[in-house]
Amino acid sequence: MLARHLLATAVISTAMGAVVPLPAVASAHEPPGPATHVGTAMCVDVSNNRGNGVLMYQWQCDSNNTNQKFVIEDGLVKVEDTIGKSQVMCLDSSNGRANGTRVYQWQCVSNANQLWVVRRNLIFLKSTLNSANPLCLDATNGRGNGTQVYLWRCDYNNTNQKFVIVDGQIAIKDTLS
């Protein structure tokens, strides 16, 4: 159980899949200290359904909500409550490589659609990292409950793509206080 909680606050640090523990807030440009989920803080969320193809979206952060708990391990972003079960679910990007590609959960198979790299608060689809148009997780189209999460061309200045990993939750940085 302790190992699971340590992994819940990890990021992918190299292409070899190493897992490195993080402080409570993952940012190289801010002073250390706990982030708080106050008011309308938004997190990446998957519904209660643990089937293939269920879309990822944003929902108000709730530290007790298992739909918002993830473990980052060997490049995979796993839905925490599926670990140890017959079908472990992962964040998956489908076969699309264009702006607006939907992100959903799928049984973990470690394919290119499921491998991610976290760098400077952006979550890159690893297979696009060194391309002319790398793609990142993006919480575009507002900050309401149920708003979908997509892939979009990476831009370090785009607040829709800035995330902070706090206790296994993937929070949208500009919604934290």
N, C-alpha and C. Protein backbone atom coordinates (compact mmCIF):
# COMPACT_ATOMS: atom_id res chain seq x y z
N MET A 1 0.82 -1.19 0.00
CA MET A 1 0.00 0.00 0.00
C MET A 1 0.87 1.26 0.00
N LEU A 2 1.96 1.26 0.80
CA LEU A 2 2.85 2.40 0.84
C LEU A 2 3.45 2.65 -0.54
N ALA A 3 3.84 1.59 -1.23
CA ALA A 3 4.41 1.75 -2.57
C ALA A 3 3.41 2.39 -3.51
N ARG A 4 2.14 2.02 -3.40
CA ARG A 4 1.11 2.59 -4.26
C ARG A 4 0.99 4.09 -4.02
N HIS A 5 1.03 4.52 -2.75
CA HIS A 5 0.92 5.94 -2.46
C HIS A 5 2.15 6.71 -2.92
N LEU A 6 3.33 6.10 -2.84
CA LEU A 6 4.53 6.76 -3.36
C LEU A 6 4.43 6.93 -4.86
N LEU A 7 3.93 5.91 -5.54
CA LEU A 7 3.78 6.00 -6.99
C LEU A 7 2.71 7.01 -7.38
N ALA A 8 1.74 7.22 -6.52
CA ALA A 8 0.66 8.14 -6.83
C ALA A 8 1.15 9.58 -6.94
N THR A 9 2.31 9.87 -6.39
CA THR A 9 2.86 11.22 -6.48
C THR A 9 4.16 11.21 -7.26
N ALA A 10 4.17 10.49 -8.37
CA ALA A 10 5.38 10.38 -9.18
C ALA A 10 5.15 10.94 -10.57
N VAL A 11 6.24 11.30 -11.22
CA VAL A 11 6.19 11.70 -12.63
C VAL A 11 7.18 10.88 -13.41
N ILE A 12 6.98 10.83 -14.69
CA ILE A 12 7.89 10.12 -15.56
C ILE A 12 9.07 11.03 -15.82
N SER A 13 10.28 10.54 -15.57
CA SER A 13 11.43 11.43 -15.70
C SER A 13 12.31 11.14 -16.89
N THR A 14 12.28 9.93 -17.41
CA THR A 14 13.13 9.64 -18.55
C THR A 14 12.40 8.74 -19.52
N ALA A 15 12.94 8.60 -20.69
CA ALA A 15 12.34 7.73 -21.69
C ALA A 15 12.43 6.27 -21.29
N MET A 16 13.29 5.96 -20.31
CA MET A 16 13.42 4.58 -19.87
C MET A 16 12.34 4.18 -18.89
N GLY A 17 11.50 5.11 -18.50
CA GLY A 17 10.37 4.77 -17.66
C GLY A 17 10.65 4.83 -16.18
N ALA A 18 11.65 5.55 -15.74
CA ALA A 18 11.92 5.66 -14.32
C ALA A 18 10.79 6.40 -13.64
N VAL A 19 10.55 6.08 -12.38
CA VAL A 19 9.53 6.75 -11.60
C VAL A 19 10.23 7.50 -10.48
N VAL A 20 9.97 8.79 -10.36
CA VAL A 20 10.64 9.62 -9.38
C VAL A 20 9.60 10.26 -8.48
N PRO A 21 9.75 10.15 -7.15
CA PRO A 21 8.79 10.79 -6.25
C PRO A 21 8.85 12.31 -6.37
N LEU A 22 7.72 12.96 -6.20
CA LEU A 22 7.62 14.41 -6.26
C LEU A 22 7.29 14.99 -4.90
N PRO A 23 7.57 16.27 -4.72
CA PRO A 23 7.02 16.94 -3.54
C PRO A 23 5.51 17.08 -3.73
N ALA A 24 4.84 17.64 -2.75
CA ALA A 24 3.38 17.78 -2.82
C ALA A 24 2.93 18.54 -4.06
N VAL A 25 3.72 19.50 -4.54
CA VAL A 25 3.38 20.25 -5.73
C VAL A 25 4.50 20.06 -6.74
N ALA A 26 4.16 19.71 -7.97
CA ALA A 26 5.16 19.44 -8.99
C ALA A 26 5.37 20.66 -9.87
N SER A 27 6.29 21.52 -9.50
CA SER A 27 6.61 22.66 -10.34
C SER A 27 8.02 23.12 -10.06
N ALA A 28 8.79 23.32 -11.11
CA ALA A 28 10.16 23.77 -10.96
C ALA A 28 10.23 25.29 -10.80
N HIS A 29 9.13 26.00 -11.02
CA HIS A 29 9.16 27.46 -11.04
C HIS A 29 8.42 28.10 -9.88
N GLU A 30 7.98 27.32 -8.93
CA GLU A 30 7.24 27.88 -7.82
C GLU A 30 7.87 27.42 -6.51
N PRO A 31 7.75 28.21 -5.46
CA PRO A 31 8.29 27.78 -4.18
C PRO A 31 7.55 26.55 -3.69
N PRO A 32 8.24 25.66 -2.94
CA PRO A 32 7.56 24.47 -2.45
C PRO A 32 6.45 24.83 -1.47
N GLY A 33 5.50 23.96 -1.37
CA GLY A 33 4.38 24.17 -0.46
C GLY A 33 3.18 23.44 -0.99
N PRO A 34 2.25 23.09 -0.13
CA PRO A 34 1.11 22.31 -0.59
C PRO A 34 0.15 23.14 -1.43
N ALA A 35 -0.34 22.54 -2.49
CA ALA A 35 -1.42 23.16 -3.26
C ALA A 35 -2.71 22.81 -2.55
N THR A 36 -3.66 23.67 -2.65
CA THR A 36 -4.94 23.37 -2.02
C THR A 36 -6.02 23.35 -3.07
N HIS A 37 -6.98 22.46 -2.87
CA HIS A 37 -8.13 22.38 -3.76
C HIS A 37 -9.24 23.18 -3.10
N VAL A 38 -9.39 24.41 -3.51
CA VAL A 38 -10.37 25.30 -2.90
C VAL A 38 -11.37 25.73 -3.95
N GLY A 39 -12.64 25.76 -3.59
CA GLY A 39 -13.65 26.27 -4.50
C GLY A 39 -13.78 25.45 -5.76
N THR A 40 -13.35 26.02 -6.88
CA THR A 40 -13.57 25.38 -8.17
C THR A 40 -12.31 24.74 -8.75
N ALA A 41 -11.41 24.25 -7.92
CA ALA A 41 -10.25 23.52 -8.44
C ALA A 41 -10.76 22.34 -9.26
N MET A 42 -10.17 22.16 -10.45
CA MET A 42 -10.62 21.12 -11.37
C MET A 42 -9.54 20.07 -11.56
N CYS A 43 -9.96 18.81 -11.67
CA CYS A 43 -9.04 17.67 -11.83
C CYS A 43 -9.48 16.79 -12.99
N VAL A 44 -8.51 16.05 -13.54
CA VAL A 44 -8.84 15.03 -14.54
C VAL A 44 -9.64 13.94 -13.83
N ASP A 45 -10.70 13.46 -14.47
CA ASP A 45 -11.66 12.56 -13.84
C ASP A 45 -12.14 11.55 -14.89
N VAL A 46 -12.40 10.34 -14.44
CA VAL A 46 -13.04 9.33 -15.28
C VAL A 46 -14.29 8.88 -14.53
N SER A 47 -15.34 8.56 -15.22
CA SER A 47 -16.59 8.19 -14.54
C SER A 47 -16.42 6.92 -13.72
N ASN A 48 -17.47 6.52 -13.04
CA ASN A 48 -17.45 5.28 -12.25
C ASN A 48 -17.31 4.05 -13.12
N ASN A 49 -17.60 4.15 -14.39
CA ASN A 49 -17.49 3.03 -15.32
C ASN A 49 -16.02 2.77 -15.62
N ARG A 50 -15.56 1.55 -15.44
CA ARG A 50 -14.16 1.21 -15.68
C ARG A 50 -13.98 0.42 -16.98
N GLY A 51 -14.83 0.67 -17.96
CA GLY A 51 -14.75 -0.02 -19.24
C GLY A 51 -13.87 0.71 -20.24
N ASN A 52 -13.45 -0.01 -21.27
CA ASN A 52 -12.67 0.58 -22.36
C ASN A 52 -13.47 1.68 -23.05
N GLY A 53 -12.80 2.78 -23.37
CA GLY A 53 -13.40 3.85 -24.15
C GLY A 53 -14.12 4.92 -23.36
N VAL A 54 -14.15 4.82 -22.03
CA VAL A 54 -14.82 5.84 -21.22
C VAL A 54 -13.96 7.10 -21.25
N LEU A 55 -14.56 8.23 -21.66
CA LEU A 55 -13.82 9.48 -21.85
C LEU A 55 -13.34 10.06 -20.53
N MET A 56 -12.19 10.72 -20.61
CA MET A 56 -11.66 11.50 -19.49
C MET A 56 -12.21 12.91 -19.62
N TYR A 57 -12.49 13.53 -18.50
CA TYR A 57 -13.00 14.88 -18.49
C TYR A 57 -12.53 15.57 -17.23
N GLN A 58 -12.92 16.80 -17.04
CA GLN A 58 -12.56 17.51 -15.82
C GLN A 58 -13.77 17.58 -14.90
N TRP A 59 -13.47 17.56 -13.61
CA TRP A 59 -14.51 17.64 -12.60
C TRP A 59 -13.92 18.33 -11.39
N GLN A 60 -14.77 18.96 -10.60
CA GLN A 60 -14.28 19.63 -9.40
C GLN A 60 -13.48 18.64 -8.55
N CYS A 61 -12.28 19.06 -8.13
CA CYS A 61 -11.40 18.18 -7.37
C CYS A 61 -12.03 17.77 -6.05
N ASP A 62 -11.90 16.49 -5.74
CA ASP A 62 -12.35 15.93 -4.47
C ASP A 62 -11.35 14.85 -4.10
N SER A 63 -10.58 15.07 -3.05
CA SER A 63 -9.51 14.14 -2.68
C SER A 63 -10.03 12.76 -2.30
N ASN A 64 -11.32 12.63 -2.05
CA ASN A 64 -11.91 11.32 -1.72
C ASN A 64 -12.53 10.63 -2.94
N ASN A 65 -12.46 11.25 -4.10
CA ASN A 65 -13.09 10.71 -5.31
C ASN A 65 -12.11 9.78 -6.02
N THR A 66 -12.40 8.48 -6.02
CA THR A 66 -11.51 7.51 -6.66
C THR A 66 -11.45 7.68 -8.18
N ASN A 67 -12.42 8.38 -8.76
CA ASN A 67 -12.40 8.65 -10.20
C ASN A 67 -11.29 9.64 -10.57
N GLN A 68 -10.69 10.27 -9.57
CA GLN A 68 -9.64 11.27 -9.80
C GLN A 68 -8.28 10.82 -9.29
N LYS A 69 -8.13 9.56 -8.95
CA LYS A 69 -6.86 9.06 -8.40
C LYS A 69 -6.12 8.25 -9.46
N PHE A 70 -4.89 8.65 -9.72
CA PHE A 70 -4.06 8.02 -10.74
C PHE A 70 -2.69 7.68 -10.17
N VAL A 71 -2.05 6.70 -10.77
CA VAL A 71 -0.68 6.32 -10.44
C VAL A 71 0.12 6.38 -11.74
N ILE A 72 1.23 7.10 -11.71
CA ILE A 72 2.08 7.19 -12.89
C ILE A 72 3.24 6.23 -12.69
N GLU A 73 3.33 5.25 -13.60
CA GLU A 73 4.33 4.19 -13.45
C GLU A 73 4.80 3.72 -14.82
N ASP A 74 6.11 3.78 -15.04
CA ASP A 74 6.71 3.32 -16.30
C ASP A 74 6.06 3.97 -17.52
N GLY A 75 5.72 5.24 -17.42
CA GLY A 75 5.13 5.96 -18.54
C GLY A 75 3.63 5.85 -18.66
N LEU A 76 3.03 4.96 -17.88
CA LEU A 76 1.57 4.77 -17.91
C LEU A 76 0.91 5.60 -16.83
N VAL A 77 -0.25 6.18 -17.14
CA VAL A 77 -1.07 6.86 -16.14
C VAL A 77 -2.24 5.92 -15.85
N LYS A 78 -2.14 5.22 -14.71
CA LYS A 78 -3.11 4.17 -14.37
C LYS A 78 -4.21 4.71 -13.46
N VAL A 79 -5.43 4.23 -13.67
CA VAL A 79 -6.54 4.54 -12.77
C VAL A 79 -6.28 3.73 -11.50
N GLU A 80 -6.05 4.42 -10.39
CA GLU A 80 -5.54 3.78 -9.18
C GLU A 80 -6.40 2.61 -8.68
N ASP A 81 -7.72 2.76 -8.67
CA ASP A 81 -8.54 1.70 -8.09
C ASP A 81 -8.66 0.46 -8.97
N THR A 82 -8.00 0.46 -10.15
CA THR A 82 -7.99 -0.74 -10.99
C THR A 82 -6.70 -1.55 -10.82
N ILE A 83 -5.71 -0.99 -10.13
CA ILE A 83 -4.44 -1.68 -9.94
C ILE A 83 -4.67 -2.90 -9.06
N GLY A 84 -4.13 -4.03 -9.49
CA GLY A 84 -4.31 -5.29 -8.77
C GLY A 84 -5.55 -6.06 -9.19
N LYS A 85 -6.33 -5.48 -10.09
CA LYS A 85 -7.53 -6.16 -10.59
C LYS A 85 -7.22 -6.79 -11.94
N SER A 86 -8.15 -7.56 -12.45
CA SER A 86 -7.91 -8.28 -13.71
C SER A 86 -7.73 -7.35 -14.90
N GLN A 87 -8.30 -6.17 -14.85
CA GLN A 87 -8.19 -5.22 -15.96
C GLN A 87 -7.77 -3.86 -15.43
N VAL A 88 -6.45 -3.58 -15.47
CA VAL A 88 -5.93 -2.29 -15.05
C VAL A 88 -6.19 -1.29 -16.18
N MET A 89 -6.73 -0.13 -15.85
CA MET A 89 -7.10 0.87 -16.85
C MET A 89 -6.08 2.01 -16.87
N CYS A 90 -5.81 2.53 -18.09
CA CYS A 90 -4.83 3.59 -18.29
C CYS A 90 -5.41 4.73 -19.12
N LEU A 91 -4.80 5.90 -18.95
CA LEU A 91 -5.09 7.04 -19.82
C LEU A 91 -4.61 6.68 -21.22
N ASP A 92 -5.46 6.85 -22.23
CA ASP A 92 -5.17 6.42 -23.59
C ASP A 92 -5.60 7.53 -24.55
N SER A 93 -4.88 7.68 -25.65
CA SER A 93 -5.17 8.78 -26.58
C SER A 93 -5.75 8.33 -27.91
N SER A 94 -6.13 7.10 -28.05
CA SER A 94 -6.58 6.53 -29.32
C SER A 94 -5.47 6.62 -30.35
N ASN A 95 -5.76 6.37 -31.58
CA ASN A 95 -4.74 6.41 -32.63
C ASN A 95 -4.59 7.79 -33.25
N GLY A 96 -5.38 8.75 -32.82
CA GLY A 96 -5.31 10.08 -33.40
C GLY A 96 -4.06 10.83 -33.00
N ARG A 97 -3.57 11.66 -33.90
CA ARG A 97 -2.40 12.48 -33.63
C ARG A 97 -2.66 13.91 -34.11
N ALA A 98 -3.86 14.41 -33.81
CA ALA A 98 -4.25 15.75 -34.24
C ALA A 98 -4.88 16.50 -33.08
N ASN A 99 -4.90 17.83 -33.18
CA ASN A 99 -5.60 18.63 -32.18
C ASN A 99 -7.03 18.13 -32.04
N GLY A 100 -7.48 17.99 -30.81
CA GLY A 100 -8.84 17.56 -30.55
C GLY A 100 -9.01 16.06 -30.39
N THR A 101 -7.92 15.29 -30.49
CA THR A 101 -8.03 13.85 -30.28
C THR A 101 -8.51 13.61 -28.85
N ARG A 102 -9.52 12.79 -28.72
CA ARG A 102 -10.10 12.51 -27.40
C ARG A 102 -9.18 11.63 -26.56
N VAL A 103 -9.27 11.82 -25.27
CA VAL A 103 -8.50 11.03 -24.31
C VAL A 103 -9.49 10.25 -23.47
N TYR A 104 -9.23 8.96 -23.27
CA TYR A 104 -10.14 8.10 -22.53
C TYR A 104 -9.34 7.05 -21.78
N GLN A 105 -10.05 6.18 -21.07
CA GLN A 105 -9.36 5.07 -20.40
C GLN A 105 -9.47 3.83 -21.27
N TRP A 106 -8.45 3.00 -21.19
CA TRP A 106 -8.41 1.74 -21.92
C TRP A 106 -7.56 0.78 -21.11
N GLN A 107 -7.83 -0.49 -21.27
CA GLN A 107 -7.03 -1.48 -20.57
C GLN A 107 -5.55 -1.24 -20.88
N CYS A 108 -4.71 -1.24 -19.85
CA CYS A 108 -3.27 -0.98 -20.02
C CYS A 108 -2.62 -2.07 -20.85
N VAL A 109 -2.00 -1.65 -21.95
CA VAL A 109 -1.25 -2.58 -22.80
C VAL A 109 0.12 -2.00 -23.17
N SER A 110 0.45 -0.85 -22.61
CA SER A 110 1.75 -0.18 -22.81
C SER A 110 2.05 0.15 -24.26
N ASN A 111 1.02 0.47 -25.05
CA ASN A 111 1.28 0.86 -26.44
C ASN A 111 1.57 2.37 -26.50
N ALA A 112 1.89 2.86 -27.68
CA ALA A 112 2.27 4.26 -27.85
C ALA A 112 1.15 5.22 -27.47
N ASN A 113 -0.10 4.78 -27.51
CA ASN A 113 -1.23 5.64 -27.13
C ASN A 113 -1.31 5.85 -25.63
N GLN A 114 -0.58 5.05 -24.86
CA GLN A 114 -0.70 5.08 -23.41
C GLN A 114 0.56 5.55 -22.69
N LEU A 115 1.59 5.93 -23.41
CA LEU A 115 2.84 6.33 -22.78
C LEU A 115 2.94 7.86 -22.75
N TRP A 116 3.22 8.40 -21.56
CA TRP A 116 3.19 9.83 -21.31
C TRP A 116 4.49 10.29 -20.65
N VAL A 117 4.81 11.56 -20.81
CA VAL A 117 5.97 12.18 -20.17
C VAL A 117 5.49 13.49 -19.54
N VAL A 118 5.82 13.70 -18.27
CA VAL A 118 5.47 14.94 -17.58
C VAL A 118 6.72 15.82 -17.57
N ARG A 119 6.58 17.05 -18.08
CA ARG A 119 7.71 17.97 -18.15
C ARG A 119 7.20 19.39 -17.98
N ARG A 120 7.72 20.09 -16.98
CA ARG A 120 7.36 21.49 -16.72
C ARG A 120 5.84 21.69 -16.71
N ASN A 121 5.15 20.85 -16.00
CA ASN A 121 3.70 20.91 -15.81
C ASN A 121 2.88 20.50 -17.03
N LEU A 122 3.50 20.12 -18.14
CA LEU A 122 2.78 19.61 -19.30
C LEU A 122 2.85 18.09 -19.30
N ILE A 123 1.80 17.45 -19.81
CA ILE A 123 1.75 16.00 -19.92
C ILE A 123 1.74 15.66 -21.41
N PHE A 124 2.91 15.23 -21.90
CA PHE A 124 3.13 14.95 -23.32
C PHE A 124 2.75 13.51 -23.66
N LEU A 125 2.16 13.29 -24.83
CA LEU A 125 2.06 11.96 -25.39
C LEU A 125 3.46 11.62 -25.89
N LYS A 126 4.09 10.63 -25.27
CA LYS A 126 5.50 10.34 -25.49
C LYS A 126 5.85 10.15 -26.96
N SER A 127 5.00 9.47 -27.71
CA SER A 127 5.31 9.18 -29.12
C SER A 127 5.39 10.44 -29.98
N THR A 128 4.89 11.58 -29.48
CA THR A 128 4.94 12.83 -30.23
C THR A 128 5.97 13.81 -29.68
N LEU A 129 6.63 13.45 -28.60
CA LEU A 129 7.50 14.37 -27.86
C LEU A 129 8.56 15.02 -28.73
N ASN A 130 9.22 14.28 -29.58
CA ASN A 130 10.30 14.82 -30.40
C ASN A 130 9.87 15.13 -31.83
N SER A 131 8.58 15.21 -32.06
CA SER A 131 8.07 15.51 -33.40
C SER A 131 7.95 17.03 -33.59
N ALA A 132 7.65 17.44 -34.80
CA ALA A 132 7.44 18.86 -35.08
C ALA A 132 6.20 19.39 -34.38
N ASN A 133 5.25 18.52 -34.08
CA ASN A 133 4.00 18.92 -33.42
C ASN A 133 3.70 18.02 -32.23
N PRO A 134 4.44 18.16 -31.14
CA PRO A 134 4.15 17.32 -29.98
C PRO A 134 2.76 17.62 -29.43
N LEU A 135 2.10 16.58 -28.91
CA LEU A 135 0.75 16.71 -28.37
C LEU A 135 0.76 16.55 -26.86
N CYS A 136 -0.08 17.33 -26.20
CA CYS A 136 -0.18 17.32 -24.74
C CYS A 136 -1.63 17.19 -24.30
N LEU A 137 -1.79 16.73 -23.07
CA LEU A 137 -3.10 16.72 -22.45
C LEU A 137 -3.58 18.17 -22.35
N ASP A 138 -4.84 18.41 -22.66
CA ASP A 138 -5.36 19.77 -22.73
C ASP A 138 -6.79 19.81 -22.17
N ALA A 139 -7.02 20.72 -21.25
CA ALA A 139 -8.34 20.89 -20.64
C ALA A 139 -9.00 22.13 -21.23
N THR A 140 -9.26 22.09 -22.51
CA THR A 140 -9.78 23.25 -23.23
C THR A 140 -11.29 23.37 -23.06
N ASN A 141 -11.86 24.41 -23.64
CA ASN A 141 -13.31 24.63 -23.67
C ASN A 141 -13.92 24.88 -22.30
N GLY A 142 -13.24 25.61 -21.45
CA GLY A 142 -13.83 26.01 -20.18
C GLY A 142 -13.41 25.15 -19.01
N ARG A 143 -14.00 25.44 -17.86
CA ARG A 143 -13.65 24.77 -16.62
C ARG A 143 -14.87 24.20 -15.90
N GLY A 144 -15.80 23.66 -16.63
CA GLY A 144 -17.00 23.12 -16.01
C GLY A 144 -16.94 21.63 -15.80
N ASN A 145 -17.68 21.14 -14.81
CA ASN A 145 -17.79 19.70 -14.61
C ASN A 145 -18.26 19.04 -15.89
N GLY A 146 -17.57 17.97 -16.29
CA GLY A 146 -17.94 17.22 -17.47
C GLY A 146 -17.29 17.69 -18.76
N THR A 147 -16.52 18.78 -18.71
CA THR A 147 -15.83 19.25 -19.91
C THR A 147 -14.72 18.26 -20.26
N GLN A 148 -14.68 17.83 -21.51
CA GLN A 148 -13.74 16.78 -21.91
C GLN A 148 -12.29 17.26 -21.91
N VAL A 149 -11.40 16.29 -21.79
CA VAL A 149 -9.96 16.51 -21.89
C VAL A 149 -9.51 15.93 -23.22
N TYR A 150 -8.69 16.68 -23.95
CA TYR A 150 -8.25 16.31 -25.29
C TYR A 150 -6.73 16.31 -25.38
N LEU A 151 -6.24 15.96 -26.57
CA LEU A 151 -4.84 16.23 -26.93
C LEU A 151 -4.84 17.50 -27.77
N TRP A 152 -3.79 18.31 -27.58
CA TRP A 152 -3.63 19.51 -28.37
C TRP A 152 -2.14 19.78 -28.52
N ARG A 153 -1.78 20.50 -29.57
CA ARG A 153 -0.37 20.82 -29.78
C ARG A 153 0.18 21.51 -28.53
N CYS A 154 1.32 21.02 -28.05
CA CYS A 154 1.91 21.50 -26.80
C CYS A 154 2.35 22.95 -26.91
N ASP A 155 2.08 23.70 -25.84
CA ASP A 155 2.46 25.10 -25.76
C ASP A 155 2.67 25.43 -24.28
N TYR A 156 3.92 25.70 -23.89
CA TYR A 156 4.22 25.99 -22.49
C TYR A 156 3.48 27.22 -21.97
N ASN A 157 2.96 28.07 -22.84
CA ASN A 157 2.22 29.26 -22.42
C ASN A 157 0.72 29.04 -22.34
N ASN A 158 0.25 27.86 -22.69
CA ASN A 158 -1.19 27.57 -22.71
C ASN A 158 -1.62 27.04 -21.33
N THR A 159 -2.41 27.82 -20.62
CA THR A 159 -2.85 27.41 -19.28
C THR A 159 -3.75 26.18 -19.30
N ASN A 160 -4.36 25.88 -20.45
CA ASN A 160 -5.18 24.66 -20.56
C ASN A 160 -4.33 23.40 -20.45
N GLN A 161 -3.01 23.53 -20.60
CA GLN A 161 -2.13 22.38 -20.61
C GLN A 161 -1.24 22.29 -19.37
N LYS A 162 -1.43 23.18 -18.42
CA LYS A 162 -0.61 23.17 -17.21
C LYS A 162 -1.33 22.37 -16.13
N PHE A 163 -0.65 21.33 -15.65
CA PHE A 163 -1.22 20.45 -14.63
C PHE A 163 -0.27 20.35 -13.45
N VAL A 164 -0.83 20.06 -12.29
CA VAL A 164 -0.07 19.80 -11.08
C VAL A 164 -0.55 18.47 -10.54
N ILE A 165 0.38 17.60 -10.21
CA ILE A 165 0.02 16.29 -9.67
C ILE A 165 0.13 16.37 -8.15
N VAL A 166 -1.02 16.20 -7.48
CA VAL A 166 -1.10 16.32 -6.03
C VAL A 166 -1.78 15.08 -5.48
N ASP A 167 -1.07 14.30 -4.69
CA ASP A 167 -1.64 13.11 -4.05
C ASP A 167 -2.42 12.23 -5.03
N GLY A 168 -1.87 12.01 -6.20
CA GLY A 168 -2.50 11.14 -7.19
C GLY A 168 -3.53 11.80 -8.07
N GLN A 169 -3.87 13.06 -7.77
CA GLN A 169 -4.81 13.79 -8.62
C GLN A 169 -4.05 14.62 -9.64
N ILE A 170 -4.61 14.72 -10.84
CA ILE A 170 -4.03 15.55 -11.90
C ILE A 170 -4.89 16.81 -11.97
N ALA A 171 -4.43 17.86 -11.29
CA ALA A 171 -5.20 19.09 -11.17
C ALA A 171 -4.80 20.09 -12.26
N ILE A 172 -5.78 20.84 -12.75
CA ILE A 172 -5.52 21.91 -13.72
C ILE A 172 -4.95 23.08 -12.93
N LYS A 173 -3.72 23.44 -13.26
CA LYS A 173 -2.95 24.37 -12.44
C LYS A 173 -3.66 25.70 -12.21
N ASP A 174 -4.27 26.29 -13.23
CA ASP A 174 -4.86 27.62 -13.04
C ASP A 174 -6.14 27.61 -12.20
N THR A 175 -6.57 26.43 -11.75
CA THR A 175 -7.74 26.37 -10.88
C THR A 175 -7.35 26.18 -9.42
N LEU A 176 -6.06 26.04 -9.15
CA LEU A 176 -5.59 25.85 -7.78
C LEU A 176 -5.33 27.20 -7.13
N SER A 177 -5.48 27.24 -5.81
CA SER A 177 -5.16 28.49 -5.10
C SER A 177 -4.08 28.23 -4.10
